[in-house]
Amino acid sequence: MGRGRQKPKRKAQDWDCAKIVANVRSSTCENCVFVVLVLSGALNPIHRGHTELLRHSKHLLEAGSSSREVVVVGFALAPSSEEYVNEKLGDLAISLGERIRLCEAAACSDRETCVVPFGIASGYRTIAEMRPCLEHELLMASVQVELEILPVYGSDFLVKRPQNVRQPTLIVCRQDEDDSAQIARQIVAAESRPHPGFQLLEVEKGLIPNFSSTGVRKACDVIRQEAPQEAVAEAWDYLKRSLHPEVLELFFPDGKELAEAS
């Protein structure tokens, strides 16, 4: 897996939102707001920390709604553009096509998670492309509901872009994070006119696993470079914990033999 020629950008009709439409149709909730949560970013590669971030965001958002019931009907993984990831990571970048394939593997067995293959650098512009597609599919299914599509980011996103407190955004602050969570809280406290759709969600320490795409890439390098057996065993253990099984199999199709050898 690695850099490669970028495929043509996908169009809105390439997004399969059937899971979300099915979840809306099967909901028994009346007079509620349906929400789709979008995780946009490099996802280079996708790991369990990303998907757990979405799941805990759903729990907190639904539990914290007061005036009207909120029902999260799906998650969307949206890998960023090839240009953005190449500029950010250089030779460490995985091609857009491969990142989409890895996200599809992570989402394949989950009835709530889909993959948005547009390859757009901005989560907000990704949502602008998603909305008419999803609204069209709901209309074709004769479903009329109030629907919101919200981006989800970690606290470091708000630290880099404090102006986004004026955008409909969910910011997740993990209580075991470093200074970024505290700075994000200060940004929100200092803002006199936050967007009505902006929320800061506090996640208890340890609930979201502290995996990273950097850690995954380093562990893969250890295994591929045929490092000492102890190092390989440690790297393999990290990958088994951090990656979805379907994603791990794409990286290492001979994983069973590798596990036995380590």
Protein backbone atom coordinates (compact mmCIF):
# COMPACT_ATOMS: atom_id res chain seq x y z
CA MET A 1 0.00 0.00 0.00
CA GLY A 2 1.30 3.45 -0.79
CA ARG A 3 1.16 6.37 -3.12
CA GLY A 4 -0.24 5.88 -6.58
CA ARG A 5 -1.88 7.65 -9.45
CA GLN A 6 -5.02 9.46 -8.33
CA LYS A 7 -8.24 8.17 -9.80
CA PRO A 8 -10.79 10.67 -11.13
CA LYS A 9 -12.81 12.26 -8.37
CA ARG A 10 -15.98 10.40 -7.62
CA LYS A 11 -19.36 12.02 -8.11
CA ALA A 12 -22.22 12.21 -5.64
CA GLN A 13 -24.01 9.28 -7.26
CA ASP A 14 -21.00 7.09 -6.43
CA TRP A 15 -21.84 7.38 -2.73
CA ASP A 16 -23.84 4.42 -1.48
CA CYS A 17 -26.01 5.80 1.32
CA ALA A 18 -28.33 2.77 1.46
CA LYS A 19 -27.40 1.97 5.07
CA ILE A 20 -28.42 5.43 6.24
CA VAL A 21 -31.68 5.37 4.30
CA ALA A 22 -32.48 1.95 5.76
CA ASN A 23 -31.79 3.16 9.30
CA VAL A 24 -34.06 6.17 8.84
CA ARG A 25 -36.84 4.00 7.45
CA SER A 26 -36.59 1.47 10.28
CA SER A 27 -36.63 4.09 13.04
CA THR A 28 -39.77 4.26 15.16
CA CYS A 29 -38.94 7.73 16.43
CA GLU A 30 -41.51 10.47 15.74
CA ASN A 31 -40.86 14.21 15.66
CA CYS A 32 -37.13 13.76 16.12
CA VAL A 33 -34.02 15.03 14.37
CA PHE A 34 -32.05 12.44 12.44
CA VAL A 35 -28.30 13.01 12.33
CA VAL A 36 -25.46 11.61 10.23
CA LEU A 37 -21.96 12.03 11.68
CA VAL A 38 -19.07 12.52 9.27
CA LEU A 39 -15.42 11.86 10.03
CA SER A 40 -13.34 13.61 7.37
CA GLY A 41 -9.57 13.45 7.38
CA ALA A 42 -6.49 11.75 6.04
CA LEU A 43 -7.52 8.35 7.48
CA ASN A 44 -4.03 7.22 6.50
CA PRO A 45 -4.97 4.54 7.43
CA ILE A 46 -8.33 4.10 9.17
CA HIS A 47 -8.13 2.51 12.65
CA ARG A 48 -10.38 1.68 15.59
CA GLY A 49 -9.75 5.03 17.24
CA HIS A 50 -11.53 6.72 14.34
CA THR A 51 -14.63 4.54 14.49
CA GLU A 52 -14.81 4.62 18.30
CA LEU A 53 -14.71 8.43 18.12
CA LEU A 54 -17.89 8.29 16.03
CA ARG A 55 -19.62 5.79 18.31
CA HIS A 56 -18.98 7.79 21.46
CA SER A 57 -20.04 10.97 19.68
CA LYS A 58 -23.34 9.28 18.88
CA HIS A 59 -23.86 8.24 22.49
CA LEU A 60 -23.12 11.70 23.87
CA LEU A 61 -25.16 13.53 21.25
CA GLU A 62 -28.24 11.38 21.75
CA ALA A 63 -27.94 11.44 25.55
CA GLY A 64 -27.46 15.21 25.64
CA SER A 65 -30.43 16.24 23.51
CA SER A 66 -33.05 18.17 25.48
CA SER A 67 -35.66 19.98 23.39
CA ARG A 68 -36.12 17.33 20.68
CA GLU A 69 -34.96 13.75 20.51
CA VAL A 70 -31.86 13.24 18.40
CA VAL A 71 -31.29 9.93 16.63
CA VAL A 72 -27.96 9.27 14.94
CA VAL A 73 -28.77 7.08 11.94
CA GLY A 74 -25.32 6.62 10.50
CA PHE A 75 -21.64 7.40 10.26
CA ALA A 76 -19.70 8.41 7.16
CA LEU A 77 -15.96 7.93 6.73
CA ALA A 78 -14.66 10.55 4.26
CA PRO A 79 -10.99 10.20 3.27
CA SER A 80 -9.49 13.54 2.28
CA SER A 81 -8.15 14.42 -1.16
CA GLU A 82 -4.98 12.96 -2.57
CA GLU A 83 -3.42 16.43 -2.84
CA TYR A 84 -4.07 17.20 0.83
CA VAL A 85 -2.66 13.93 2.13
CA ASN A 86 0.38 14.02 -0.16
CA GLU A 87 1.18 17.53 1.01
CA LYS A 88 0.71 16.56 4.65
CA LEU A 89 2.51 13.21 4.67
CA GLY A 90 4.69 13.07 1.56
CA ASP A 91 6.04 9.57 0.92
CA LEU A 92 4.00 8.22 3.85
CA ALA A 93 0.74 9.02 2.07
CA ILE A 94 -1.53 6.17 1.00
CA SER A 95 -3.34 6.77 -2.29
CA LEU A 96 -6.95 7.90 -2.19
CA GLY A 97 -8.12 4.70 -3.84
CA GLU A 98 -6.39 2.56 -1.20
CA ARG A 99 -7.69 4.70 1.68
CA ILE A 100 -11.22 4.33 0.32
CA ARG A 101 -10.72 0.55 0.07
CA LEU A 102 -9.46 0.37 3.66
CA CYS A 103 -12.40 2.43 4.92
CA GLU A 104 -14.82 0.20 3.01
CA ALA A 105 -13.23 -2.82 4.69
CA ALA A 106 -13.62 -1.22 8.13
CA ALA A 107 -17.28 -0.39 7.40
CA CYS A 108 -18.35 -3.54 5.57
CA SER A 109 -19.83 -5.43 8.52
CA ASP A 110 -21.31 -2.42 10.30
CA ARG A 111 -24.89 -1.45 9.53
CA GLU A 112 -24.34 2.18 10.53
CA THR A 113 -21.11 3.06 8.72
CA CYS A 114 -20.66 3.99 5.07
CA VAL A 115 -17.81 5.49 3.07
CA VAL A 116 -17.96 8.77 1.15
CA PRO A 117 -15.51 8.41 -1.76
CA PHE A 118 -15.44 12.02 -2.98
CA GLY A 119 -11.85 12.73 -1.91
CA ILE A 120 -12.51 16.31 -0.77
CA ALA A 121 -10.11 17.98 1.66
CA SER A 122 -12.82 19.85 3.58
CA GLY A 123 -15.35 18.08 5.77
CA TYR A 124 -17.82 20.94 5.27
CA ARG A 125 -17.56 20.75 1.46
CA THR A 126 -17.90 16.97 1.68
CA ILE A 127 -21.16 17.42 3.58
CA ALA A 128 -22.39 19.92 0.98
CA GLU A 129 -21.94 17.19 -1.65
CA MET A 130 -23.50 14.50 0.55
CA ARG A 131 -26.68 16.37 1.39
CA PRO A 132 -28.44 16.49 -2.02
CA CYS A 133 -27.59 12.86 -2.67
CA LEU A 134 -29.03 11.68 0.65
CA GLU A 135 -32.08 13.93 0.35
CA HIS A 136 -32.76 12.52 -3.12
CA GLU A 137 -32.53 8.92 -1.90
CA LEU A 138 -34.88 9.66 1.00
CA LEU A 139 -37.31 11.30 -1.38
CA MET A 140 -37.19 8.26 -3.66
CA ALA A 141 -37.97 6.13 -0.59
CA SER A 142 -40.95 8.40 0.21
CA VAL A 143 -39.38 9.44 3.52
CA GLN A 144 -39.74 12.99 4.83
CA VAL A 145 -37.69 13.75 7.93
CA GLU A 146 -35.61 16.50 9.48
CA LEU A 147 -32.02 15.57 8.79
CA GLU A 148 -28.70 17.05 9.87
CA ILE A 149 -25.23 16.07 8.69
CA LEU A 150 -22.51 17.08 11.13
CA PRO A 151 -18.72 16.82 10.97
CA VAL A 152 -16.89 15.30 13.94
CA TYR A 153 -13.35 16.35 14.86
CA GLY A 154 -10.95 16.01 17.75
CA SER A 155 -9.98 18.95 19.93
CA ASP A 156 -6.78 19.57 17.97
CA PHE A 157 -8.91 20.59 14.96
CA LEU A 158 -10.50 23.44 16.93
CA VAL A 159 -7.11 24.53 18.29
CA LYS A 160 -5.87 24.96 14.71
CA ARG A 161 -9.15 26.50 13.48
CA PRO A 162 -10.81 28.36 16.39
CA GLN A 163 -13.13 30.16 13.95
CA ASN A 164 -14.97 26.87 13.42
CA VAL A 165 -16.78 27.39 16.69
CA ARG A 166 -19.07 29.42 14.43
CA GLN A 167 -19.80 26.39 12.24
CA PRO A 168 -22.15 23.42 12.91
CA THR A 169 -19.49 21.07 14.26
CA LEU A 170 -18.99 18.42 16.93
CA ILE A 171 -15.67 18.63 18.76
CA VAL A 172 -14.72 15.63 20.89
CA CYS A 173 -12.52 16.30 23.91
CA ARG A 174 -10.99 13.23 25.49
CA GLN A 175 -10.26 13.68 29.17
CA ASP A 176 -6.95 11.83 28.76
CA GLU A 177 -5.74 14.21 26.05
CA ASP A 178 -2.91 16.70 26.36
CA ASP A 179 -3.22 20.48 26.26
CA SER A 180 -5.34 20.56 23.09
CA ALA A 181 -8.51 19.60 24.99
CA GLN A 182 -8.04 22.38 27.53
CA ILE A 183 -7.28 24.95 24.82
CA ALA A 184 -10.40 23.86 22.93
CA ARG A 185 -12.50 24.39 26.06
CA GLN A 186 -11.02 27.88 26.45
CA ILE A 187 -11.81 28.73 22.82
CA VAL A 188 -15.45 27.71 23.31
CA ALA A 189 -15.74 29.59 26.63
CA ALA A 190 -14.37 32.76 25.04
CA GLU A 191 -16.74 32.69 22.05
CA SER A 192 -19.75 34.96 22.58
CA ARG A 193 -21.72 33.72 19.57
CA PRO A 194 -21.07 30.03 18.87
CA HIS A 195 -23.08 28.42 16.10
CA PRO A 196 -26.30 26.78 17.42
CA GLY A 197 -25.12 23.54 15.81
CA PHE A 198 -21.72 23.60 17.50
CA GLN A 199 -21.15 21.25 20.43
CA LEU A 200 -18.18 20.28 22.57
CA LEU A 201 -18.49 16.65 23.68
CA GLU A 202 -16.52 15.41 26.68
CA VAL A 203 -15.47 11.75 26.56
CA GLU A 204 -14.32 10.05 29.75
CA LYS A 205 -10.72 8.94 30.06
CA GLY A 206 -9.91 5.64 28.38
CA LEU A 207 -13.15 5.19 26.44
CA ILE A 208 -11.61 6.00 23.06
CA PRO A 209 -8.49 3.90 22.43
CA ASN A 210 -5.35 5.96 21.95
CA PHE A 211 -4.35 4.51 18.58
CA SER A 212 -2.83 6.57 15.78
CA SER A 213 -2.30 6.23 12.05
CA THR A 214 1.37 7.01 12.68
CA GLY A 215 1.56 4.08 15.10
CA VAL A 216 -0.07 1.80 12.54
CA ARG A 217 2.36 2.83 9.80
CA LYS A 218 5.37 2.30 12.09
CA ALA A 219 4.13 -1.14 13.16
CA CYS A 220 3.66 -2.13 9.50
CA ASP A 221 7.22 -1.00 8.75
CA VAL A 222 8.60 -3.12 11.60
CA ILE A 223 6.93 -6.23 10.20
CA ARG A 224 7.88 -5.57 6.58
CA GLN A 225 11.52 -4.85 7.46
CA GLU A 226 11.85 -8.24 9.15
CA ALA A 227 12.89 -6.76 12.48
CA PRO A 228 13.85 -8.98 15.46
CA GLN A 229 11.13 -11.42 16.48
CA GLU A 230 10.29 -9.59 19.72
CA ALA A 231 9.77 -6.32 17.85
CA VAL A 232 7.64 -8.06 15.22
CA ALA A 233 5.47 -9.66 17.92
CA GLU A 234 4.95 -6.29 19.60
CA ALA A 235 4.09 -4.61 16.28
CA TRP A 236 1.67 -7.40 15.35
CA ASP A 237 -0.08 -7.10 18.71
CA TYR A 238 -0.52 -3.35 18.14
CA LEU A 239 -1.99 -3.91 14.69
CA LYS A 240 -4.43 -6.56 15.96
CA ARG A 241 -5.68 -4.13 18.60
CA SER A 242 -5.76 -0.99 16.47
CA LEU A 243 -7.07 -2.23 13.11
CA HIS A 244 -10.39 -3.74 12.15
CA PRO A 245 -9.86 -7.41 11.14
CA GLU A 246 -10.84 -6.74 7.53
CA VAL A 247 -8.36 -3.86 7.32
CA LEU A 248 -5.58 -5.92 8.88
CA GLU A 249 -6.18 -8.64 6.29
CA LEU A 250 -5.74 -6.14 3.47
CA PHE A 251 -2.38 -5.07 4.86
CA PHE A 252 -1.22 -8.61 5.62
CA PRO A 253 -3.15 -11.33 3.75
CA ASP A 254 -0.86 -13.94 5.34
CA GLY A 255 -1.60 -12.68 8.82
CA LYS A 256 -2.28 -16.12 10.28
CA GLU A 257 1.17 -17.37 9.34
CA LEU A 258 2.72 -14.14 10.60
CA ALA A 259 0.93 -14.47 13.94
CA GLU A 260 2.14 -18.05 14.34
CA ALA A 261 5.70 -17.04 13.48
CA SER A 262 5.70 -14.21 16.02
